[in-house]
Amino acid sequence: MPSSQTTVRWGLILSFVGIALFLFVVDATGNTPGLLALVRDPITTVNGWLAPSADTVSDVLAGPANVQLAIEEIERLQGQVAELQKENQLLRENEGELEVLRRLFDYATDSPQNQRVLADVIGRETNPLFRSILINRGTNDGVQVGMPVDSDQGLIGQVFRTTPNSAMVILVIDNASGVPGRLSDSRATGLVHGTGAGRTMEMDWIPLEAEVEIGDVVLTSGLIGQFDQGILVGRFPRGLTIGRVTEVERSEADILQRAIIRSDVNFSDLERVFVITDFPKDDITPFEDPLGEDQ
């Protein structure tokens, strides 16, 4: 018996020592509140310890579903980006179109004496031997053969053929086109005709004594034209820009000189042009039959 009691006694002492050490460690590590919570409500405390693990397991199980939702969201956002890009492109196109119309409007207001009809370019001649464009205005809009066509960039040409709702415009750079021109500096006149190559034209019949310089602006003279050696010379209002002199050909043996002219118009990119339906003209009716043959 004494031996058994001694064993029990030492067992209790060791247990108390162990408990004391456990409590000391718990207190030293700051876990006393958790231990007290476990004593007060063991079930809730154990659930709290297990909850993070359960959440981790739940996240792992829900992972595939979350990935699918993310993919769907990415696809939705990509669709929105594509729509916004289309809208942005449309806005840029509208801005460019408004800029073209603004320039044309400003140009037209600078010469209010000329009545104009705005037309869209709807076609271009594919034959390199005949330089022309098609526009969406015709006789129903007051457009007639021979009417001048211009833009804010410069002179385009003249109406060559018409239908009720469209017209063909022969360009000033075509071989068959002729425009009475005047040099802005020397005021010398001549006949400007196309060469059929690029934007180049030639101005003939310039008096030899005229001072022609590189860079001189060539304008329509407003003089009355006529058919001349197969060149269709139309009647144009005074002061329209034809181009600029890039080269001068003169010879002391001749009495005339020639100027090479380049137009500022980019004929391949024309979108809108003006048809000049009316402009101030001098009355030449009494001189149309100078010999009086009709009387």
C-alpha atoms as a PDB file:
ATOM      1  CA  MET A   1       0.000   0.000   0.000  1.00  0.00           C
ATOM      2  CA  PRO A   2       2.653   2.534   0.923  1.00  0.00           C
ATOM      3  CA  SER A   3       4.306   1.913  -2.409  1.00  0.00           C
ATOM      4  CA  SER A   4       1.057   2.399  -4.300  1.00  0.00           C
ATOM      5  CA  GLN A   5       0.279   5.629  -2.477  1.00  0.00           C
ATOM      6  CA  THR A   6       3.753   6.908  -3.234  1.00  0.00           C
ATOM      7  CA  THR A   7       3.238   6.216  -6.939  1.00  0.00           C
ATOM      8  CA  VAL A   8      -0.074   8.030  -6.957  1.00  0.00           C
ATOM      9  CA  ARG A   9       1.451  10.919  -5.077  1.00  0.00           C
ATOM     10  CA  TRP A  10       4.327  11.263  -7.576  1.00  0.00           C
ATOM     11  CA  GLY A  11       1.876  10.917 -10.428  1.00  0.00           C
ATOM     12  CA  LEU A  12      -0.184  13.806  -9.115  1.00  0.00           C
ATOM     13  CA  ILE A  13       2.905  15.895  -8.540  1.00  0.00           C
ATOM     14  CA  LEU A  14       4.124  15.270 -12.103  1.00  0.00           C
ATOM     15  CA  SER A  15       0.650  16.020 -13.475  1.00  0.00           C
ATOM     16  CA  PHE A  16       0.524  19.321 -11.633  1.00  0.00           C
ATOM     17  CA  VAL A  17       4.005  20.147 -12.808  1.00  0.00           C
ATOM     18  CA  GLY A  18       3.020  19.282 -16.383  1.00  0.00           C
ATOM     19  CA  ILE A  19      -0.133  21.362 -16.150  1.00  0.00           C
ATOM     20  CA  ALA A  20       1.851  24.226 -14.682  1.00  0.00           C
ATOM     21  CA  LEU A  21       4.384  24.018 -17.504  1.00  0.00           C
ATOM     22  CA  PHE A  22       1.572  23.849 -20.110  1.00  0.00           C
ATOM     23  CA  LEU A  23      -0.135  26.894 -18.635  1.00  0.00           C
ATOM     24  CA  PHE A  24       3.206  28.712 -18.533  1.00  0.00           C
ATOM     25  CA  VAL A  25       3.871  27.959 -22.187  1.00  0.00           C
ATOM     26  CA  VAL A  26       0.301  28.933 -23.187  1.00  0.00           C
ATOM     27  CA  ASP A  27       0.590  32.186 -21.314  1.00  0.00           C
ATOM     28  CA  ALA A  28       4.055  32.921 -22.718  1.00  0.00           C
ATOM     29  CA  THR A  29       2.850  32.422 -26.324  1.00  0.00           C
ATOM     30  CA  GLY A  30      -0.267  34.558 -25.848  1.00  0.00           C
ATOM     31  CA  ASN A  31      -2.718  31.689 -26.359  1.00  0.00           C
ATOM     32  CA  THR A  32      -4.421  32.015 -22.970  1.00  0.00           C
ATOM     33  CA  PRO A  33      -7.595  33.632 -24.473  1.00  0.00           C
ATOM     34  CA  GLY A  34      -7.924  30.732 -26.903  1.00  0.00           C
ATOM     35  CA  LEU A  35      -7.500  28.209 -24.108  1.00  0.00           C
ATOM     36  CA  LEU A  36     -10.125  29.970 -21.979  1.00  0.00           C
ATOM     37  CA  ALA A  37     -12.467  30.101 -25.020  1.00  0.00           C
ATOM     38  CA  LEU A  38     -11.943  26.355 -25.482  1.00  0.00           C
ATOM     39  CA  VAL A  39     -12.829  25.754 -21.848  1.00  0.00           C
ATOM     40  CA  ARG A  40     -15.924  27.960 -22.035  1.00  0.00           C
ATOM     41  CA  ASP A  41     -17.218  26.788 -25.463  1.00  0.00           C
ATOM     42  CA  PRO A  42     -15.176  23.923 -26.855  1.00  0.00           C
ATOM     43  CA  ILE A  43     -17.417  23.274 -29.890  1.00  0.00           C
ATOM     44  CA  THR A  44     -17.335  26.840 -31.205  1.00  0.00           C
ATOM     45  CA  THR A  45     -13.593  27.078 -30.693  1.00  0.00           C
ATOM     46  CA  VAL A  46     -12.890  23.833 -32.524  1.00  0.00           C
ATOM     47  CA  ASN A  47     -15.131  25.006 -35.434  1.00  0.00           C
ATOM     48  CA  GLY A  48     -13.167  28.235 -35.577  1.00  0.00           C
ATOM     49  CA  TRP A  49      -9.926  26.277 -35.850  1.00  0.00           C
ATOM     50  CA  LEU A  50     -11.316  24.052 -38.599  1.00  0.00           C
ATOM     51  CA  ALA A  51     -13.037  26.849 -40.603  1.00  0.00           C
ATOM     52  CA  PRO A  52      -9.891  28.064 -42.491  1.00  0.00           C
ATOM     53  CA  SER A  53      -9.115  24.545 -43.605  1.00  0.00           C
ATOM     54  CA  ALA A  54     -12.693  24.075 -44.709  1.00  0.00           C
ATOM     55  CA  ASP A  55     -12.530  27.385 -46.670  1.00  0.00           C
ATOM     56  CA  THR A  56      -9.320  26.244 -48.347  1.00  0.00           C
ATOM     57  CA  VAL A  57     -10.909  22.977 -49.397  1.00  0.00           C
ATOM     58  CA  SER A  58     -13.997  24.897 -50.631  1.00  0.00           C
ATOM     59  CA  ASP A  59     -11.824  27.272 -52.678  1.00  0.00           C
ATOM     60  CA  VAL A  60     -10.038  24.323 -54.270  1.00  0.00           C
ATOM     61  CA  LEU A  61     -13.332  22.670 -55.156  1.00  0.00           C
ATOM     62  CA  ALA A  62     -14.802  25.959 -56.517  1.00  0.00           C
ATOM     63  CA  GLY A  63     -11.659  26.768 -58.555  1.00  0.00           C
ATOM     64  CA  PRO A  64     -12.855  25.440 -61.934  1.00  0.00           C
ATOM     65  CA  ALA A  65     -16.130  27.377 -61.664  1.00  0.00           C
ATOM     66  CA  ASN A  66     -14.271  30.596 -60.853  1.00  0.00           C
ATOM     67  CA  VAL A  67     -11.948  30.093 -63.837  1.00  0.00           C
ATOM     68  CA  GLN A  68     -14.935  29.649 -66.140  1.00  0.00           C
ATOM     69  CA  LEU A  69     -16.513  32.836 -64.789  1.00  0.00           C
ATOM     70  CA  ALA A  70     -13.223  34.668 -65.340  1.00  0.00           C
ATOM     71  CA  ILE A  71     -13.032  33.420 -68.934  1.00  0.00           C
ATOM     72  CA  GLU A  72     -16.602  34.559 -69.582  1.00  0.00           C
ATOM     73  CA  GLU A  73     -15.838  37.977 -68.089  1.00  0.00           C
ATOM     74  CA  ILE A  74     -12.722  38.326 -70.246  1.00  0.00           C
ATOM     75  CA  GLU A  75     -14.738  37.460 -73.364  1.00  0.00           C
ATOM     76  CA  ARG A  76     -17.387  40.020 -72.402  1.00  0.00           C
ATOM     77  CA  LEU A  77     -14.768  42.706 -71.884  1.00  0.00           C
ATOM     78  CA  GLN A  78     -13.102  41.827 -75.201  1.00  0.00           C
ATOM     79  CA  GLY A  79     -16.470  42.267 -76.918  1.00  0.00           C
ATOM     80  CA  GLN A  80     -16.872  45.681 -75.319  1.00  0.00           C
ATOM     81  CA  VAL A  81     -13.358  46.670 -76.430  1.00  0.00           C
ATOM     82  CA  ALA A  82     -14.174  45.640 -80.020  1.00  0.00           C
ATOM     83  CA  GLU A  83     -17.384  47.707 -79.987  1.00  0.00           C
ATOM     84  CA  LEU A  84     -15.539  50.723 -78.584  1.00  0.00           C
ATOM     85  CA  GLN A  85     -12.872  50.376 -81.270  1.00  0.00           C
ATOM     86  CA  LYS A  86     -15.577  50.380 -83.977  1.00  0.00           C
ATOM     87  CA  GLU A  87     -17.192  53.459 -82.450  1.00  0.00           C
ATOM     88  CA  ASN A  88     -13.803  55.180 -82.240  1.00  0.00           C
ATOM     89  CA  GLN A  89     -13.077  54.397 -85.899  1.00  0.00           C
ATOM     90  CA  LEU A  90     -16.505  55.737 -86.906  1.00  0.00           C
ATOM     91  CA  LEU A  91     -15.888  58.919 -84.932  1.00  0.00           C
ATOM     92  CA  ARG A  92     -12.530  59.393 -86.668  1.00  0.00           C
ATOM     93  CA  GLU A  93     -14.167  58.923 -90.082  1.00  0.00           C
ATOM     94  CA  ASN A  94     -16.913  61.398 -89.192  1.00  0.00           C
ATOM     95  CA  GLU A  95     -14.307  63.853 -87.977  1.00  0.00           C
ATOM     96  CA  GLY A  96     -12.424  63.550 -91.266  1.00  0.00           C
ATOM     97  CA  GLU A  97     -15.615  64.014 -93.256  1.00  0.00           C
ATOM     98  CA  LEU A  98     -16.557  67.085 -91.228  1.00  0.00           C
ATOM     99  CA  GLU A  99     -13.098  68.528 -91.843  1.00  0.00           C
ATOM    100  CA  VAL A 100     -13.529  68.072 -95.616  1.00  0.00           C
ATOM    101  CA  LEU A 101     -16.941  69.748 -95.512  1.00  0.00           C
ATOM    102  CA  ARG A 102     -15.577  72.580 -93.374  1.00  0.00           C
ATOM    103  CA  ARG A 103     -12.792  73.291 -95.886  1.00  0.00           C
ATOM    104  CA  LEU A 104     -15.249  73.204 -98.793  1.00  0.00           C
ATOM    105  CA  PHE A 105     -17.634  75.527 -96.969  1.00  0.00           C
ATOM    106  CA  ASP A 106     -14.856  78.003 -96.185  1.00  0.00           C
ATOM    107  CA  TYR A 107     -13.709  77.878 -99.800  1.00  0.00           C
ATOM    108  CA  ALA A 108     -17.214  78.487-101.154  1.00  0.00           C
ATOM    109  CA  THR A 109     -17.805  81.452 -98.862  1.00  0.00           C
ATOM    110  CA  ASP A 110     -14.654  83.119-100.221  1.00  0.00           C
ATOM    111  CA  SER A 111     -16.287  83.452-103.664  1.00  0.00           C
ATOM    112  CA  PRO A 112     -20.019  83.955-103.057  1.00  0.00           C
ATOM    113  CA  GLN A 113     -20.477  85.328-106.583  1.00  0.00           C
ATOM    114  CA  ASN A 114     -20.166  81.768-107.930  1.00  0.00           C
ATOM    115  CA  GLN A 115     -23.165  79.499-107.427  1.00  0.00           C
ATOM    116  CA  ARG A 116     -22.135  75.939-106.609  1.00  0.00           C
ATOM    117  CA  VAL A 117     -23.640  72.479-106.203  1.00  0.00           C
ATOM    118  CA  LEU A 118     -21.799  70.038-103.931  1.00  0.00           C
ATOM    119  CA  ALA A 119     -21.311  66.589-105.466  1.00  0.00           C
ATOM    120  CA  ASP A 120     -19.816  63.282-104.349  1.00  0.00           C
ATOM    121  CA  VAL A 121     -17.290  61.486-106.532  1.00  0.00           C
ATOM    122  CA  ILE A 122     -18.830  58.087-107.306  1.00  0.00           C
ATOM    123  CA  GLY A 123     -16.450  56.737-109.951  1.00  0.00           C
ATOM    124  CA  ARG A 124     -13.192  57.183-111.838  1.00  0.00           C
ATOM    125  CA  GLU A 125     -12.242  56.413-115.413  1.00  0.00           C
ATOM    126  CA  THR A 126      -9.978  53.365-115.529  1.00  0.00           C
ATOM    127  CA  ASN A 127      -8.711  54.153-119.037  1.00  0.00           C
ATOM    128  CA  PRO A 128      -5.361  55.960-118.587  1.00  0.00           C
ATOM    129  CA  LEU A 129      -5.886  57.751-121.913  1.00  0.00           C
ATOM    130  CA  PHE A 130      -8.981  59.551-120.664  1.00  0.00           C
ATOM    131  CA  ARG A 131      -8.781  61.254-117.277  1.00  0.00           C
ATOM    132  CA  SER A 132     -12.246  61.777-115.812  1.00  0.00           C
ATOM    133  CA  ILE A 133     -14.458  61.223-112.772  1.00  0.00           C
ATOM    134  CA  LEU A 134     -18.146  60.551-112.221  1.00  0.00           C
ATOM    135  CA  ILE A 135     -20.222  62.601-109.791  1.00  0.00           C
ATOM    136  CA  ASN A 136     -23.689  62.058-108.337  1.00  0.00           C
ATOM    137  CA  ARG A 137     -25.228  65.263-109.696  1.00  0.00           C
ATOM    138  CA  GLY A 138     -26.913  65.639-113.061  1.00  0.00           C
ATOM    139  CA  THR A 139     -29.455  67.629-115.024  1.00  0.00           C
ATOM    140  CA  ASN A 140     -32.037  67.209-112.250  1.00  0.00           C
ATOM    141  CA  ASP A 141     -29.673  69.258-110.076  1.00  0.00           C
ATOM    142  CA  GLY A 142     -29.077  71.932-112.701  1.00  0.00           C
ATOM    143  CA  VAL A 143     -25.782  70.466-113.923  1.00  0.00           C
ATOM    144  CA  GLN A 144     -25.092  71.008-117.624  1.00  0.00           C
ATOM    145  CA  VAL A 145     -22.322  70.170-120.076  1.00  0.00           C
ATOM    146  CA  GLY A 146     -19.454  72.651-119.963  1.00  0.00           C
ATOM    147  CA  MET A 147     -19.918  73.738-116.347  1.00  0.00           C
ATOM    148  CA  PRO A 148     -16.667  74.169-114.402  1.00  0.00           C
ATOM    149  CA  VAL A 149     -15.865  71.845-111.500  1.00  0.00           C
ATOM    150  CA  ASP A 150     -13.535  72.833-108.675  1.00  0.00           C
ATOM    151  CA  SER A 151     -12.640  72.157-105.041  1.00  0.00           C
ATOM    152  CA  ASP A 152     -10.788  73.828-102.195  1.00  0.00           C
ATOM    153  CA  GLN A 153      -7.589  72.277-103.605  1.00  0.00           C
ATOM    154  CA  GLY A 154      -7.944  73.857-107.030  1.00  0.00           C
ATOM    155  CA  LEU A 155      -9.615  73.502-110.418  1.00  0.00           C
ATOM    156  CA  ILE A 156     -10.855  69.976-111.208  1.00  0.00           C
ATOM    157  CA  GLY A 157     -12.200  70.222-114.756  1.00  0.00           C
ATOM    158  CA  GLN A 158     -15.497  70.664-116.551  1.00  0.00           C
ATOM    159  CA  VAL A 159     -18.667  68.657-117.097  1.00  0.00           C
ATOM    160  CA  PHE A 160     -18.390  66.580-120.263  1.00  0.00           C
ATOM    161  CA  ARG A 161     -21.528  64.425-120.206  1.00  0.00           C
ATOM    162  CA  THR A 162     -24.689  64.378-118.097  1.00  0.00           C
ATOM    163  CA  THR A 163     -27.581  62.142-117.081  1.00  0.00           C
ATOM    164  CA  PRO A 164     -30.519  63.139-114.886  1.00  0.00           C
ATOM    165  CA  ASN A 165     -28.685  62.084-111.715  1.00  0.00           C
ATOM    166  CA  SER A 166     -24.990  61.926-112.621  1.00  0.00           C
ATOM    167  CA  ALA A 167     -22.317  63.552-114.730  1.00  0.00           C
ATOM    168  CA  MET A 168     -18.891  62.841-116.205  1.00  0.00           C
ATOM    169  CA  VAL A 169     -16.194  65.418-115.505  1.00  0.00           C
ATOM    170  CA  ILE A 170     -13.147  65.642-117.754  1.00  0.00           C
ATOM    171  CA  LEU A 171     -10.144  66.566-115.606  1.00  0.00           C
ATOM    172  CA  VAL A 172      -7.867  69.510-116.343  1.00  0.00           C
ATOM    173  CA  ILE A 173      -4.935  67.088-116.589  1.00  0.00           C
ATOM    174  CA  ASP A 174      -6.527  65.224-119.513  1.00  0.00           C
ATOM    175  CA  ASN A 175      -5.021  65.735-122.963  1.00  0.00           C
ATOM    176  CA  ALA A 176      -8.310  67.048-124.337  1.00  0.00           C
ATOM    177  CA  SER A 177      -8.807  69.663-121.615  1.00  0.00           C
ATOM    178  CA  GLY A 178      -7.978  73.342-122.122  1.00  0.00           C
ATOM    179  CA  VAL A 179      -8.320  76.277-119.721  1.00  0.00           C
ATOM    180  CA  PRO A 180      -7.556  79.943-120.428  1.00  0.00           C
ATOM    181  CA  GLY A 181      -5.016  80.831-117.739  1.00  0.00           C
ATOM    182  CA  ARG A 182      -3.218  83.838-116.320  1.00  0.00           C
ATOM    183  CA  LEU A 183       0.032  84.084-114.374  1.00  0.00           C
ATOM    184  CA  SER A 184      -0.614  85.726-111.013  1.00  0.00           C
ATOM    185  CA  ASP A 185       2.612  87.783-111.002  1.00  0.00           C
ATOM    186  CA  SER A 186       3.222  88.920-114.584  1.00  0.00           C
ATOM    187  CA  ARG A 187      -0.504  88.781-115.494  1.00  0.00           C
ATOM    188  CA  ALA A 188       0.468  87.184-118.811  1.00  0.00           C
ATOM    189  CA  THR A 189      -2.160  84.890-120.312  1.00  0.00           C
ATOM    190  CA  GLY A 190      -1.962  81.587-122.121  1.00  0.00           C
ATOM    191  CA  LEU A 191      -3.752  78.319-122.717  1.00  0.00           C
ATOM    192  CA  VAL A 192      -3.380  75.587-120.083  1.00  0.00           C
ATOM    193  CA  HIS A 193      -3.913  72.035-121.307  1.00  0.00           C
ATOM    194  CA  GLY A 194      -3.398  68.653-119.722  1.00  0.00           C
ATOM    195  CA  THR A 195      -0.659  66.181-120.544  1.00  0.00           C
ATOM    196  CA  GLY A 196      -2.409  63.042-119.308  1.00  0.00           C
ATOM    197  CA  ALA A 197       0.499  62.323-116.961  1.00  0.00           C
ATOM    198  CA  GLY A 198       0.158  62.709-113.202  1.00  0.00           C
ATOM    199  CA  ARG A 199      -0.744  66.242-112.137  1.00  0.00           C
ATOM    200  CA  THR A 200       1.251  67.919-114.899  1.00  0.00           C
ATOM    201  CA  MET A 201      -0.117  70.505-117.335  1.00  0.00           C
ATOM    202  CA  GLU A 202       1.407  72.898-119.861  1.00  0.00           C
ATOM    203  CA  MET A 203       0.689  76.553-120.434  1.00  0.00           C
ATOM    204  CA  ASP A 204       1.292  77.628-124.034  1.00  0.00           C
ATOM    205  CA  TRP A 205       1.089  80.924-125.908  1.00  0.00           C
ATOM    206  CA  ILE A 206       2.833  82.943-123.190  1.00  0.00           C
ATOM    207  CA  PRO A 207       4.469  86.092-124.659  1.00  0.00           C
ATOM    208  CA  LEU A 208       8.249  85.896-124.620  1.00  0.00           C
ATOM    209  CA  GLU A 209       8.584  89.222-122.794  1.00  0.00           C
ATOM    210  CA  ALA A 210       6.520  87.958-119.841  1.00  0.00           C
ATOM    211  CA  GLU A 211       8.534  87.261-116.673  1.00  0.00           C
ATOM    212  CA  VAL A 212       7.622  83.696-115.765  1.00  0.00           C
ATOM    213  CA  GLU A 213       9.135  82.438-112.513  1.00  0.00           C
ATOM    214  CA  ILE A 214       9.185  79.032-110.841  1.00  0.00           C
ATOM    215  CA  GLY A 215       6.453  78.930-108.222  1.00  0.00           C
ATOM    216  CA  ASP A 216       4.141  81.416-109.958  1.00  0.00           C
ATOM    217  CA  VAL A 217       0.488  80.611-109.335  1.00  0.00           C
ATOM    218  CA  VAL A 218      -1.607  80.042-112.462  1.00  0.00           C
ATOM    219  CA  LEU A 219      -5.251  81.147-112.263  1.00  0.00           C
ATOM    220  CA  THR A 220      -8.163  80.984-114.648  1.00  0.00           C
ATOM    221  CA  SER A 221      -8.195  84.189-116.674  1.00  0.00           C
ATOM    222  CA  GLY A 222     -11.940  84.305-117.288  1.00  0.00           C
ATOM    223  CA  LEU A 223     -11.318  84.761-121.017  1.00  0.00           C
ATOM    224  CA  ILE A 224     -13.722  83.073-123.389  1.00  0.00           C
ATOM    225  CA  GLY A 225     -12.518  79.751-124.734  1.00  0.00           C
ATOM    226  CA  GLN A 226     -13.222  77.789-127.885  1.00  0.00           C
ATOM    227  CA  PHE A 227     -12.277  74.540-129.593  1.00  0.00           C
ATOM    228  CA  ASP A 228      -8.611  74.729-130.519  1.00  0.00           C
ATOM    229  CA  GLN A 229      -6.752  71.933-132.329  1.00  0.00           C
ATOM    230  CA  GLY A 230      -8.830  69.201-130.696  1.00  0.00           C
ATOM    231  CA  ILE A 231      -8.611  70.741-127.226  1.00  0.00           C
ATOM    232  CA  LEU A 232     -11.900  71.504-125.501  1.00  0.00           C
ATOM    233  CA  VAL A 233     -11.480  75.003-124.076  1.00  0.00           C
ATOM    234  CA  GLY A 234     -14.257  75.758-121.629  1.00  0.00           C
ATOM    235  CA  ARG A 235     -15.458  78.975-120.067  1.00  0.00           C
ATOM    236  CA  PHE A 236     -14.390  79.341-116.447  1.00  0.00           C
ATOM    237  CA  PRO A 237     -14.888  82.082-113.870  1.00  0.00           C
ATOM    238  CA  ARG A 238     -11.920  84.315-113.204  1.00  0.00           C
ATOM    239  CA  GLY A 239      -9.522  83.546-110.332  1.00  0.00           C
ATOM    240  CA  LEU A 240      -9.747  79.764-109.854  1.00  0.00           C
ATOM    241  CA  THR A 241      -6.399  78.190-108.967  1.00  0.00           C
ATOM    242  CA  ILE A 242      -5.070  75.850-111.661  1.00  0.00           C
ATOM    243  CA  GLY A 243      -1.598  75.091-110.312  1.00  0.00           C
ATOM    244  CA  ARG A 244       1.952  76.372-109.926  1.00  0.00           C
ATOM    245  CA  VAL A 245       4.780  76.784-112.415  1.00  0.00           C
ATOM    246  CA  THR A 246       7.483  74.145-111.969  1.00  0.00           C
ATOM    247  CA  GLU A 247       9.502  74.725-115.150  1.00  0.00           C
ATOM    248  CA  VAL A 248       9.835  77.328-117.890  1.00  0.00           C
ATOM    249  CA  GLU A 249      10.740  76.572-121.517  1.00  0.00           C
ATOM    250  CA  ARG A 250      11.815  79.601-123.542  1.00  0.00           C
ATOM    251  CA  SER A 251      13.881  80.196-126.631  1.00  0.00           C
ATOM    252  CA  GLU A 252      15.091  83.499-128.041  1.00  0.00           C
ATOM    253  CA  ALA A 253      14.300  82.160-131.516  1.00  0.00           C
ATOM    254  CA  ASP A 254      10.623  81.930-130.634  1.00  0.00           C
ATOM    255  CA  ILE A 255       8.156  84.667-129.892  1.00  0.00           C
ATOM    256  CA  LEU A 256       6.335  82.601-127.284  1.00  0.00           C
ATOM    257  CA  GLN A 257       7.288  80.554-124.244  1.00  0.00           C
ATOM    258  CA  ARG A 258       5.836  77.608-122.373  1.00  0.00           C
ATOM    259  CA  ALA A 259       5.428  76.875-118.649  1.00  0.00           C
ATOM    260  CA  ILE A 260       5.119  73.442-117.046  1.00  0.00           C
ATOM    261  CA  ILE A 261       2.483  73.489-114.314  1.00  0.00           C
ATOM    262  CA  ARG A 262       1.695  71.109-111.470  1.00  0.00           C
ATOM    263  CA  SER A 263      -1.741  70.991-109.867  1.00  0.00           C
ATOM    264  CA  ASP A 264      -2.115  70.840-106.085  1.00  0.00           C
ATOM    265  CA  VAL A 265      -5.156  68.588-106.470  1.00  0.00           C
ATOM    266  CA  ASN A 266      -4.773  64.924-105.561  1.00  0.00           C
ATOM    267  CA  PHE A 267      -7.131  63.663-108.267  1.00  0.00           C
ATOM    268  CA  SER A 268      -6.955  60.029-107.127  1.00  0.00           C
ATOM    269  CA  ASP A 269      -8.295  60.879-103.650  1.00  0.00           C
ATOM    270  CA  LEU A 270     -11.131  63.254-104.539  1.00  0.00           C
ATOM    271  CA  GLU A 271     -14.260  62.659-102.468  1.00  0.00           C
ATOM    272  CA  ARG A 272     -16.358  65.805-102.970  1.00  0.00           C
ATOM    273  CA  VAL A 273     -16.263  68.570-105.556  1.00  0.00           C
ATOM    274  CA  PHE A 274     -18.221  71.670-106.517  1.00  0.00           C
ATOM    275  CA  VAL A 275     -20.027  72.145-109.803  1.00  0.00           C
ATOM    276  CA  ILE A 276     -20.150  75.861-110.560  1.00  0.00           C
ATOM    277  CA  THR A 277     -23.637  76.212-111.976  1.00  0.00           C
ATOM    278  CA  ASP A 278     -23.474  79.973-112.494  1.00  0.00           C
ATOM    279  CA  PHE A 279     -20.974  82.811-112.243  1.00  0.00           C
ATOM    280  CA  PRO A 280     -20.779  86.421-113.444  1.00  0.00           C
ATOM    281  CA  LYS A 281     -20.378  86.569-117.214  1.00  0.00           C
ATOM    282  CA  ASP A 282     -20.041  89.388-119.691  1.00  0.00           C
ATOM    283  CA  ASP A 283     -22.730  89.595-122.345  1.00  0.00           C
ATOM    284  CA  ILE A 284     -21.140  88.601-125.668  1.00  0.00           C
ATOM    285  CA  THR A 285     -24.377  87.962-127.560  1.00  0.00           C
ATOM    286  CA  PRO A 286     -23.814  90.868-130.032  1.00  0.00           C
ATOM    287  CA  PHE A 287     -20.446  89.373-131.006  1.00  0.00           C
ATOM    288  CA  GLU A 288     -21.509  85.772-131.553  1.00  0.00           C
ATOM    289  CA  ASP A 289     -22.228  86.604-135.234  1.00  0.00           C
ATOM    290  CA  PRO A 290     -19.699  89.344-136.000  1.00  0.00           C
ATOM    291  CA  LEU A 291     -20.268  89.215-139.780  1.00  0.00           C
ATOM    292  CA  GLY A 292     -24.028  89.548-139.447  1.00  0.00           C
ATOM    293  CA  GLU A 293     -24.683  86.376-141.413  1.00  0.00           C
ATOM    294  CA  ASP A 294     -27.890  85.674-139.505  1.00  0.00           C
ATOM    295  CA  GLN A 295     -29.413  89.024-140.436  1.00  0.00           C
END
